[in-house]
C-alpha atoms as a PDB file:
ATOM      1  CA  MET A   1     -17.024  14.885 -36.560  1.00  0.00           C
ATOM      2  CA  MET A   2     -17.806  11.811 -34.249  1.00  0.00           C
ATOM      3  CA  THR A   3     -14.249  11.395 -34.137  1.00  0.00           C
ATOM      4  CA  HIS A   4     -13.398  14.915 -33.833  1.00  0.00           C
ATOM      5  CA  CYS A   5     -16.128  14.505 -31.071  1.00  0.00           C
ATOM      6  CA  LYS A   6     -14.896  11.225 -29.291  1.00  0.00           C
ATOM      7  CA  GLU A   7     -11.376  12.891 -29.102  1.00  0.00           C
ATOM      8  CA  LYS A   8     -12.596  15.861 -27.160  1.00  0.00           C
ATOM      9  CA  GLU A   9     -14.325  13.682 -24.487  1.00  0.00           C
ATOM     10  CA  ASN A  10     -11.077  11.513 -23.841  1.00  0.00           C
ATOM     11  CA  LEU A  11      -9.338  14.854 -23.649  1.00  0.00           C
ATOM     12  CA  ALA A  12     -11.944  15.942 -21.078  1.00  0.00           C
ATOM     13  CA  GLU A  13     -11.752  12.625 -19.049  1.00  0.00           C
ATOM     14  CA  CYS A  14      -7.870  12.476 -19.022  1.00  0.00           C
ATOM     15  CA  ILE A  15      -7.857  16.015 -17.662  1.00  0.00           C
ATOM     16  CA  LEU A  16     -10.195  14.727 -14.702  1.00  0.00           C
ATOM     17  CA  ARG A  17      -8.294  11.998 -13.714  1.00  0.00           C
ATOM     18  CA  LYS A  18      -5.272  13.859 -13.877  1.00  0.00           C
ATOM     19  CA  MET A  19      -6.922  16.841 -11.561  1.00  0.00           C
ATOM     20  CA  ILE A  20      -7.801  13.841  -9.109  1.00  0.00           C
ATOM     21  CA  ILE A  21      -4.495  12.249  -9.072  1.00  0.00           C
ATOM     22  CA  THR A  22      -2.974  15.736  -8.673  1.00  0.00           C
ATOM     23  CA  VAL A  23      -5.599  16.327  -5.700  1.00  0.00           C
ATOM     24  CA  MET A  24      -4.823  13.162  -3.843  1.00  0.00           C
ATOM     25  CA  VAL A  25      -1.028  14.036  -4.019  1.00  0.00           C
ATOM     26  CA  LEU A  26      -1.368  17.499  -2.708  1.00  0.00           C
ATOM     27  CA  ALA A  27      -3.181  15.952   0.177  1.00  0.00           C
ATOM     28  CA  LEU A  28      -0.368  13.670   1.293  1.00  0.00           C
ATOM     29  CA  LEU A  29       2.187  16.088   0.689  1.00  0.00           C
ATOM     30  CA  ILE A  30       0.750  19.216   2.866  1.00  0.00           C
ATOM     31  CA  PRO A  31       1.410  17.259   6.365  1.00  0.00           C
ATOM     32  CA  ILE A  32       5.109  16.616   5.041  1.00  0.00           C
ATOM     33  CA  ILE A  33       5.454  20.422   3.553  1.00  0.00           C
ATOM     34  CA  SER A  34       3.608  21.843   6.670  1.00  0.00           C
ATOM     35  CA  PRO A  35       5.033  19.380   9.496  1.00  0.00           C
ATOM     36  CA  LYS A  36       4.330  22.123  12.541  1.00  0.00           C
ATOM     37  CA  VAL A  37       1.172  22.735  11.792  1.00  0.00           C
ATOM     38  CA  PHE A  38      -0.085  19.023  11.874  1.00  0.00           C
ATOM     39  CA  ALA A  39       2.448  18.047  14.366  1.00  0.00           C
ATOM     40  CA  ALA A  40       0.153  16.417  17.825  1.00  0.00           C
ATOM     41  CA  SER A  41       1.440  18.288  20.800  1.00  0.00           C
ATOM     42  CA  SER A  42       2.741  15.499  23.382  1.00  0.00           C
ATOM     43  CA  VAL A  43       4.156  15.010  27.031  1.00  0.00           C
ATOM     44  CA  THR A  44       7.053  13.299  28.464  1.00  0.00           C
ATOM     45  CA  ILE A  45       8.827  12.518  31.384  1.00  0.00           C
ATOM     46  CA  SER A  46      12.850  12.011  31.945  1.00  0.00           C
ATOM     47  CA  GLY A  47      14.446  10.975  34.397  1.00  0.00           C
ATOM     48  CA  GLY A  48      14.229   9.147  37.463  1.00  0.00           C
ATOM     49  CA  ASP A  49      15.891   5.949  36.757  1.00  0.00           C
ATOM     50  CA  ASN A  50      17.907   3.632  39.371  1.00  0.00           C
ATOM     51  CA  ILE A  51      17.144   5.161  42.165  1.00  0.00           C
ATOM     52  CA  LYS A  52      17.846   4.133  45.818  1.00  0.00           C
ATOM     53  CA  GLY A  53      15.830   5.026  48.531  1.00  0.00           C
ATOM     54  CA  GLY A  54      17.000   8.285  50.164  1.00  0.00           C
ATOM     55  CA  ASP A  55      18.320   9.275  47.084  1.00  0.00           C
ATOM     56  CA  THR A  56      17.159  12.707  45.360  1.00  0.00           C
ATOM     57  CA  PHE A  57      16.296  12.873  41.907  1.00  0.00           C
ATOM     58  CA  THR A  58      15.105  15.033  39.404  1.00  0.00           C
ATOM     59  CA  VAL A  59      12.651  14.241  36.573  1.00  0.00           C
ATOM     60  CA  ALA A  60      11.750  16.850  33.457  1.00  0.00           C
ATOM     61  CA  VAL A  61       8.410  16.755  32.377  1.00  0.00           C
ATOM     62  CA  THR A  62       8.285  18.432  28.689  1.00  0.00           C
ATOM     63  CA  PHE A  63       5.308  19.852  26.742  1.00  0.00           C
ATOM     64  CA  GLY A  64       6.108  20.434  23.286  1.00  0.00           C
ATOM     65  CA  GLY A  65       5.792  19.218  19.043  1.00  0.00           C
ATOM     66  CA  GLY A  66       2.781  22.134  18.604  1.00  0.00           C
ATOM     67  CA  ASP A  67       4.431  25.625  19.026  1.00  0.00           C
ATOM     68  CA  ILE A  68       3.078  26.037  22.256  1.00  0.00           C
ATOM     69  CA  GLY A  69       2.816  29.195  24.370  1.00  0.00           C
ATOM     70  CA  ARG A  70       1.526  27.991  27.797  1.00  0.00           C
ATOM     71  CA  VAL A  71       0.449  24.905  29.780  1.00  0.00           C
ATOM     72  CA  ASP A  72      -1.449  24.244  32.489  1.00  0.00           C
ATOM     73  CA  GLY A  73      -1.116  20.709  33.955  1.00  0.00           C
ATOM     74  CA  SER A  74      -0.280  18.769  36.962  1.00  0.00           C
ATOM     75  CA  LEU A  75       1.544  15.838  37.769  1.00  0.00           C
ATOM     76  CA  SER A  76       0.737  13.551  40.651  1.00  0.00           C
ATOM     77  CA  TYR A  77       2.737  11.164  42.790  1.00  0.00           C
ATOM     78  CA  ASP A  78       2.344   8.668  45.616  1.00  0.00           C
ATOM     79  CA  THR A  79       3.762  10.664  48.803  1.00  0.00           C
ATOM     80  CA  GLU A  80       4.562   7.047  50.777  1.00  0.00           C
ATOM     81  CA  LYS A  81       7.038   6.276  48.349  1.00  0.00           C
ATOM     82  CA  LEU A  82       8.262  10.165  47.230  1.00  0.00           C
ATOM     83  CA  THR A  83       8.763  13.491  49.086  1.00  0.00           C
ATOM     84  CA  TYR A  84       8.880  16.478  46.964  1.00  0.00           C
ATOM     85  CA  ILE A  85      11.389  18.836  46.782  1.00  0.00           C
ATOM     86  CA  SER A  86      11.340  21.464  44.347  1.00  0.00           C
ATOM     87  CA  GLY A  87       9.781  22.576  41.023  1.00  0.00           C
ATOM     88  CA  GLY A  88       6.611  23.268  39.431  1.00  0.00           C
ATOM     89  CA  SER A  89       3.743  25.006  42.226  1.00  0.00           C
ATOM     90  CA  SER A  90       3.043  23.351  45.182  1.00  0.00           C
ATOM     91  CA  THR A  91       2.134  23.820  49.017  1.00  0.00           C
ATOM     92  CA  GLY A  92       4.262  20.916  50.101  1.00  0.00           C
ATOM     93  CA  ASN A  93       4.275  17.345  49.904  1.00  0.00           C
ATOM     94  CA  SER A  94       0.204  16.664  48.950  1.00  0.00           C
ATOM     95  CA  GLY A  95       0.593  14.530  45.999  1.00  0.00           C
ATOM     96  CA  TYR A  96      -0.234  17.015  43.440  1.00  0.00           C
ATOM     97  CA  ILE A  97       1.975  19.538  41.747  1.00  0.00           C
ATOM     98  CA  GLN A  98       0.966  22.214  39.368  1.00  0.00           C
ATOM     99  CA  LEU A  99       2.450  22.652  36.121  1.00  0.00           C
ATOM    100  CA  LYS A 100       1.889  26.190  34.613  1.00  0.00           C
ATOM    101  CA  GLU A 101       4.152  28.061  32.807  1.00  0.00           C
ATOM    102  CA  ALA A 102       4.630  30.169  29.963  1.00  0.00           C
ATOM    103  CA  SER A 103       6.738  29.865  26.914  1.00  0.00           C
ATOM    104  CA  THR A 104       8.519  32.053  23.938  1.00  0.00           C
ATOM    105  CA  ASP A 105      10.011  29.151  22.067  1.00  0.00           C
ATOM    106  CA  GLY A 106       7.286  26.664  21.943  1.00  0.00           C
ATOM    107  CA  SER A 107       7.853  24.265  24.547  1.00  0.00           C
ATOM    108  CA  VAL A 108       7.870  24.045  28.198  1.00  0.00           C
ATOM    109  CA  THR A 109       9.544  22.449  30.551  1.00  0.00           C
ATOM    110  CA  PHE A 110       9.167  21.561  34.252  1.00  0.00           C
ATOM    111  CA  ASN A 111      12.086  20.039  36.200  1.00  0.00           C
ATOM    112  CA  ILE A 112      10.468  18.312  39.465  1.00  0.00           C
ATOM    113  CA  GLU A 113      12.440  16.904  42.479  1.00  0.00           C
ATOM    114  CA  PHE A 114      12.020  14.569  44.781  1.00  0.00           C
ATOM    115  CA  GLN A 115      13.558  12.350  47.761  1.00  0.00           C
ATOM    116  CA  ALA A 116      12.925   8.259  47.146  1.00  0.00           C
ATOM    117  CA  LEU A 117      11.308   7.308  50.353  1.00  0.00           C
ATOM    118  CA  ASP A 118      10.390   3.595  50.381  1.00  0.00           C
ATOM    119  CA  GLU A 119      11.469   0.681  48.339  1.00  0.00           C
ATOM    120  CA  GLY A 120       8.962  -0.667  45.657  1.00  0.00           C
ATOM    121  CA  ASP A 121       7.521   0.931  42.145  1.00  0.00           C
ATOM    122  CA  THR A 122       5.782   3.982  42.304  1.00  0.00           C
ATOM    123  CA  VAL A 123       3.998   6.059  39.107  1.00  0.00           C
ATOM    124  CA  LEU A 124       4.431   9.882  38.194  1.00  0.00           C
ATOM    125  CA  GLN A 125       1.013  10.967  36.157  1.00  0.00           C
ATOM    126  CA  VAL A 126       1.367  13.970  33.936  1.00  0.00           C
ATOM    127  CA  ALA A 127      -2.631  15.677  33.093  1.00  0.00           C
ATOM    128  CA  THR A 128      -2.850  18.580  31.071  1.00  0.00           C
ATOM    129  CA  ARG A 129      -5.990  21.066  31.412  1.00  0.00           C
ATOM    130  CA  GLU A 130      -5.495  23.257  28.646  1.00  0.00           C
ATOM    131  CA  MET A 131      -2.925  24.425  26.254  1.00  0.00           C
ATOM    132  CA  TYR A 132      -2.424  27.690  23.839  1.00  0.00           C
ATOM    133  CA  ASP A 133       0.123  28.135  21.298  1.00  0.00           C
ATOM    134  CA  LEU A 134       2.499  31.042  20.748  1.00  0.00           C
ATOM    135  CA  ASN A 135      -0.576  33.091  19.266  1.00  0.00           C
ATOM    136  CA  GLU A 136      -2.814  32.851  22.177  1.00  0.00           C
ATOM    137  CA  VAL A 137      -4.972  30.556  20.111  1.00  0.00           C
ATOM    138  CA  TYR A 138      -6.439  27.775  22.083  1.00  0.00           C
ATOM    139  CA  MET A 139      -5.131  24.410  21.102  1.00  0.00           C
ATOM    140  CA  SER A 140      -7.944  21.224  21.641  1.00  0.00           C
ATOM    141  CA  GLU A 141      -5.081  19.276  22.772  1.00  0.00           C
ATOM    142  CA  THR A 142      -4.508  17.251  26.515  1.00  0.00           C
ATOM    143  CA  PRO A 143      -1.618  15.118  26.593  1.00  0.00           C
ATOM    144  CA  SER A 144      -0.890  13.097  28.796  1.00  0.00           C
ATOM    145  CA  ALA A 145       2.097  10.638  30.394  1.00  0.00           C
ATOM    146  CA  SER A 146       3.273   8.794  33.038  1.00  0.00           C
ATOM    147  CA  LYS A 147       5.991   7.141  33.968  1.00  0.00           C
ATOM    148  CA  THR A 148       7.160   3.725  36.543  1.00  0.00           C
ATOM    149  CA  ILE A 149       9.731   5.095  39.014  1.00  0.00           C
ATOM    150  CA  SER A 150      11.380   1.881  40.404  1.00  0.00           C
ATOM    151  CA  ILE A 151      13.082   2.533  44.087  1.00  0.00           C
ATOM    152  CA  SER A 152      15.729  -0.130  45.233  1.00  0.00           C
ATOM    153  CA  GLY A 153      15.592  -0.177  49.241  1.00  0.00           C
ATOM    154  CA  SER A 154      14.355   2.571  51.806  1.00  0.00           C
ATOM    155  CA  ALA A 155      15.646   5.487  52.976  1.00  0.00           C
ATOM    156  CA  ALA A 156      16.572   6.062  56.544  1.00  0.00           C
ATOM    157  CA  SER A 157      15.324   8.011  58.693  1.00  0.00           C
ATOM    158  CA  GLN A 158      17.811  10.504  59.154  1.00  0.00           C
ATOM    159  CA  GLN A 159      18.016  10.766  55.732  1.00  0.00           C
ATOM    160  CA  ILE A 160      14.494  11.952  55.014  1.00  0.00           C
ATOM    161  CA  ILE A 161      13.664  15.340  53.347  1.00  0.00           C
ATOM    162  CA  THR A 162      11.175  17.187  55.546  1.00  0.00           C
ATOM    163  CA  GLN A 163      11.633  21.018  53.843  1.00  0.00           C
ATOM    164  CA  THR A 164      10.197  21.197  50.520  1.00  0.00           C
ATOM    165  CA  SER A 165      11.079  24.255  48.431  1.00  0.00           C
ATOM    166  CA  SER A 166       8.360  25.556  45.947  1.00  0.00           C
ATOM    167  CA  PRO A 167       9.420  28.326  44.047  1.00  0.00           C
ATOM    168  CA  ASP A 168       6.368  29.811  43.266  1.00  0.00           C
ATOM    169  CA  GLN A 169       2.827  29.945  45.261  1.00  0.00           C
ATOM    170  CA  PRO A 170       0.611  27.732  42.995  1.00  0.00           C
ATOM    171  CA  VAL A 171      -0.868  29.749  40.218  1.00  0.00           C
ATOM    172  CA  ALA A 172      -4.329  31.940  40.537  1.00  0.00           C
ATOM    173  CA  GLU A 173      -6.387  30.263  37.860  1.00  0.00           C
ATOM    174  CA  THR A 174      -6.779  33.468  36.313  1.00  0.00           C
ATOM    175  CA  GLU A 175      -3.021  34.691  36.108  1.00  0.00           C
ATOM    176  CA  LEU A 176       0.231  33.197  34.771  1.00  0.00           C
ATOM    177  CA  LYS A 177       2.911  35.196  34.872  1.00  0.00           C
ATOM    178  CA  GLY A 178       1.384  38.579  33.568  1.00  0.00           C
ATOM    179  CA  VAL A 179      -1.097  36.567  30.718  1.00  0.00           C
ATOM    180  CA  ASP A 180      -4.506  36.589  31.677  1.00  0.00           C
ATOM    181  CA  GLU A 181      -6.341  32.965  31.349  1.00  0.00           C
ATOM    182  CA  LYS A 182      -8.744  33.085  27.689  1.00  0.00           C
ATOM    183  CA  PRO A 183     -11.813  31.533  27.709  1.00  0.00           C
ATOM    184  CA  ASP A 184     -12.524  28.208  25.838  1.00  0.00           C
ATOM    185  CA  GLU A 185     -12.502  29.051  22.203  1.00  0.00           C
ATOM    186  CA  GLY A 186     -13.535  26.026  20.869  1.00  0.00           C
ATOM    187  CA  ILE A 187     -12.193  24.908  18.080  1.00  0.00           C
ATOM    188  CA  SER A 188      -8.626  26.044  17.908  1.00  0.00           C
ATOM    189  CA  GLY A 189      -6.926  27.790  14.408  1.00  0.00           C
ATOM    190  CA  LYS A 190      -4.789  24.982  14.007  1.00  0.00           C
ATOM    191  CA  THR A 191      -7.231  22.290  13.738  1.00  0.00           C
ATOM    192  CA  LEU A 192      -9.456  24.096  11.858  1.00  0.00           C
ATOM    193  CA  PHE A 193      -6.781  24.724   9.235  1.00  0.00           C
ATOM    194  CA  MET A 194      -5.961  20.517   9.138  1.00  0.00           C
ATOM    195  CA  VAL A 195      -9.827  20.486   8.705  1.00  0.00           C
ATOM    196  CA  ILE A 196     -10.303  22.097   5.818  1.00  0.00           C
ATOM    197  CA  ILE A 197      -6.871  21.131   4.331  1.00  0.00           C
ATOM    198  CA  ILE A 198      -8.207  17.399   5.016  1.00  0.00           C
ATOM    199  CA  ALA A 199     -11.656  18.782   3.429  1.00  0.00           C
ATOM    200  CA  VAL A 200     -11.253  20.487   0.534  1.00  0.00           C
ATOM    201  CA  PRO A 201      -9.257  17.808  -1.584  1.00  0.00           C
ATOM    202  CA  ILE A 202     -12.258  14.927  -0.406  1.00  0.00           C
ATOM    203  CA  VAL A 203     -14.882  17.278  -1.831  1.00  0.00           C
ATOM    204  CA  LEU A 204     -12.965  17.890  -5.126  1.00  0.00           C
ATOM    205  CA  ILE A 205     -12.674  14.541  -5.379  1.00  0.00           C
ATOM    206  CA  ILE A 206     -16.035  13.533  -4.954  1.00  0.00           C
ATOM    207  CA  ILE A 207     -17.207  16.193  -6.915  1.00  0.00           C
ATOM    208  CA  ILE A 208     -14.765  14.732 -10.261  1.00  0.00           C
ATOM    209  CA  ALA A 209     -16.109  11.656  -9.581  1.00  0.00           C
ATOM    210  CA  ILE A 210     -19.899  12.814 -10.026  1.00  0.00           C
ATOM    211  CA  ILE A 211     -19.001  14.649 -13.306  1.00  0.00           C
ATOM    212  CA  LEU A 212     -16.744  11.605 -14.789  1.00  0.00           C
ATOM    213  CA  SER A 213     -19.549   9.529 -13.338  1.00  0.00           C
ATOM    214  CA  LYS A 214     -22.059  11.815 -15.312  1.00  0.00           C
ATOM    215  CA  LYS A 215     -19.534  12.431 -18.558  1.00  0.00           C
ATOM    216  CA  LYS A 216     -19.623   8.285 -18.731  1.00  0.00           C
ATOM    217  CA  LYS A 217     -23.858   8.118 -18.155  1.00  0.00           C
ATOM    218  CA  SER A 218     -24.039  10.719 -20.768  1.00  0.00           C
ATOM    219  CA  LYS A 219     -21.617   8.636 -23.458  1.00  0.00           C
ATOM    220  CA  ASP A 220     -23.209   5.063 -22.719  1.00  0.00           C
ATOM    221  CA  ASP A 221     -26.691   6.967 -23.467  1.00  0.00           C
ATOM    222  CA  ILE A 222     -25.069   8.272 -26.667  1.00  0.00           C
ATOM    223  CA  SER A 223     -23.639   5.018 -27.552  1.00  0.00           C
ATOM    224  CA  GLY A 224     -27.189   3.458 -26.958  1.00  0.00           C
ATOM    225  CA  LYS A 225     -29.061   5.610 -29.159  1.00  0.00           C
ATOM    226  CA  LYS A 226     -26.292   5.114 -31.702  1.00  0.00           C
ATOM    227  CA  GLU A 227     -26.763   1.355 -31.371  1.00  0.00           C
ATOM    228  CA  ASN A 228     -30.488   1.772 -31.874  1.00  0.00           C
ATOM    229  CA  GLN A 229     -29.912   3.616 -34.752  1.00  0.00           C
ATOM    230  CA  ASP A 230     -28.092   1.177 -36.223  1.00  0.00           C
ATOM    231  CA  ASP A 231     -29.889  -1.865 -35.221  1.00  0.00           C
ATOM    232  CA  GLU A 232     -33.337   0.228 -36.778  1.00  0.00           C
ATOM    233  CA  CYS A 233     -30.782   0.915 -40.172  1.00  0.00           C
ATOM    234  CA  HIS A 234     -30.217  -2.436 -40.611  1.00  0.00           C
ATOM    235  CA  ASP A 235     -33.972  -3.985 -39.860  1.00  0.00           C
ATOM    236  CA  ASN A 236     -34.983  -1.163 -42.625  1.00  0.00           C
ATOM    237  CA  ILE A 237     -32.034  -2.914 -45.011  1.00  0.00           C
ATOM    238  CA  ASP A 238     -33.195  -6.162 -44.025  1.00  0.00           C
ATOM    239  CA  TYR A 239     -36.647  -4.645 -45.155  1.00  0.00           C
ATOM    240  CA  HIS A 240     -35.829  -3.265 -48.192  1.00  0.00           C
ATOM    241  CA  ARG A 241     -34.015  -6.235 -49.254  1.00  0.00           C
ATOM    242  CA  GLU A 242     -36.962  -8.596 -48.283  1.00  0.00           C
ATOM    243  CA  ASN A 243     -39.150  -6.457 -50.389  1.00  0.00           C
ATOM    244  CA  ARG A 244     -36.635  -6.151 -53.324  1.00  0.00           C
ATOM    245  CA  HIS A 245     -36.530 -10.088 -53.223  1.00  0.00           C
ATOM    246  CA  ILE A 246     -40.198 -10.280 -53.102  1.00  0.00           C
ATOM    247  CA  ASP A 247     -40.634  -7.688 -55.797  1.00  0.00           C
ATOM    248  CA  GLY A 248     -38.063  -9.637 -57.845  1.00  0.00           C
ATOM    249  CA  GLU A 249     -39.773 -13.079 -57.442  1.00  0.00           C
ATOM    250  CA  VAL A 250     -43.287 -11.333 -58.666  1.00  0.00           C
ATOM    251  CA  SER A 251     -41.683  -9.871 -61.631  1.00  0.00           C
ATOM    252  CA  GLU A 252     -39.847 -13.177 -62.813  1.00  0.00           C
ATOM    253  CA  ASN A 253     -43.816 -14.930 -62.174  1.00  0.00           C
ATOM    254  CA  ILE A 254     -45.280 -12.501 -64.666  1.00  0.00           C
ATOM    255  CA  VAL A 255     -42.449 -12.885 -66.767  1.00  0.00           C
ATOM    256  CA  ARG A 256     -42.679 -16.244 -67.022  1.00  0.00           C
ATOM    257  CA  LYS A 257     -46.368 -16.465 -67.460  1.00  0.00           C
ATOM    258  CA  GLU A 258     -46.352 -14.134 -70.116  1.00  0.00           C
ATOM    259  CA  LYS A 259     -43.755 -16.140 -71.352  1.00  0.00           C
ATOM    260  CA  SER A 260     -46.009 -19.275 -71.539  1.00  0.00           C
ATOM    261  CA  GLU A 261     -49.278 -17.120 -72.860  1.00  0.00           C
ATOM    262  CA  GLN A 262     -46.816 -16.468 -75.467  1.00  0.00           C
ATOM    263  CA  LYS A 263     -45.790 -19.558 -76.538  1.00  0.00           C
ATOM    264  CA  LYS A 264     -49.498 -21.490 -75.905  1.00  0.00           C
ATOM    265  CA  ALA A 265     -50.569 -18.439 -78.277  1.00  0.00           C
ATOM    266  CA  VAL A 266     -47.580 -18.954 -80.863  1.00  0.00           C
ATOM    267  CA  LYS A 267     -48.351 -22.650 -81.050  1.00  0.00           C
ATOM    268  CA  LYS A 268     -52.466 -22.527 -80.963  1.00  0.00           C
ATOM    269  CA  LYS A 269     -51.679 -20.116 -84.173  1.00  0.00           C
ATOM    270  CA  ALA A 270     -48.982 -22.686 -85.378  1.00  0.00           C
ATOM    271  CA  SER A 271     -51.594 -25.481 -84.734  1.00  0.00           C
ATOM    272  CA  GLU A 272     -54.459 -23.410 -86.447  1.00  0.00           C
ATOM    273  CA  GLU A 273     -52.376 -22.996 -89.659  1.00  0.00           C
ATOM    274  CA  THR A 274     -51.370 -26.561 -89.872  1.00  0.00           C
ATOM    275  CA  GLU A 275     -54.886 -27.560 -90.029  1.00  0.00           C
ATOM    276  CA  ASN A 276     -55.433 -24.950 -92.691  1.00  0.00           C
ATOM    277  CA  TRP A 277     -52.669 -26.726 -94.976  1.00  0.00           C
ATOM    278  CA  ALA A 278     -53.738 -30.299 -94.189  1.00  0.00           C
ATOM    279  CA  ASP A 279     -57.526 -29.034 -95.568  1.00  0.00           C
ATOM    280  CA  TRP A 280     -56.519 -27.448 -98.425  1.00  0.00           C
ATOM    281  CA  ASN A 281     -56.440 -29.795-101.996  1.00  0.00           C
ATOM    282  CA  GLY A 282     -54.790 -27.582-104.386  1.00  0.00           C
ATOM    283  CA  PHE A 283     -55.761 -25.097-106.937  1.00  0.00           C
ATOM    284  CA  ASP A 284     -58.704 -26.357-108.965  1.00  0.00           C
ATOM    285  CA  ASP A 285     -59.652 -24.518-112.299  1.00  0.00           C
ATOM    286  CA  ASN A 286     -61.802 -21.940-110.748  1.00  0.00           C
ATOM    287  CA  ASP A 287     -59.141 -20.648-108.475  1.00  0.00           C
ATOM    288  CA  LEU A 288     -57.058 -19.894-111.403  1.00  0.00           C
END
């Protein structure tokens, strides 16, 4: 019976340990299995390399990495170094370009054209105000990026372009190519899903660890009780052995005493008989 119970406990513990391993493996595999869900949104700036004063060049600002449906961002630049020509939405060469566009393929790209004016380094800064995914769910990410443009030489005065061409007027805060702005919806569905996916394995591991801890404690208690019972049993055995030993010694003493008394009685009787024979003078005529 004890062996059967022990085998059941070992089996339960083995199953729980396998569950822990399985949960941990799933927690590691889920991001690999669902890369789109866990892909972080990002923004990159490309182009604008090896620029000389007076050159016109185009930089591509791309928002991607997370099934982006629409984006609202901005690009800032130094008007002393660069002249805005086209791309995005701007009222002119103001140093600020609005990047606001919708998409159906999960990414948004803006091609911004500048003219290099003065020699030196200048930095393009892209910031994100808000983004929504293809299901019109608010995305909590607000990626940013920057790029340094190195200009060699300065533009001649006759080279400088004064005519700028913004294909779109700055987009109103509540309009975006027929799509109305949505209010801030708090945590996005993707973020919530990620939190649940991460939290569930952790909770399961904690629960399983608690169960294992309780089972181990129960097992230790049972083992402790068994040891106590064994100790009591050994104490009882030793007690009975001692009692039997004492009883044996008492019995031997009693037998020894009885034998001694018997010997004394025999000796006494023999002595008395010897004395009687010593006093006997034989038969006389009257005895016959």
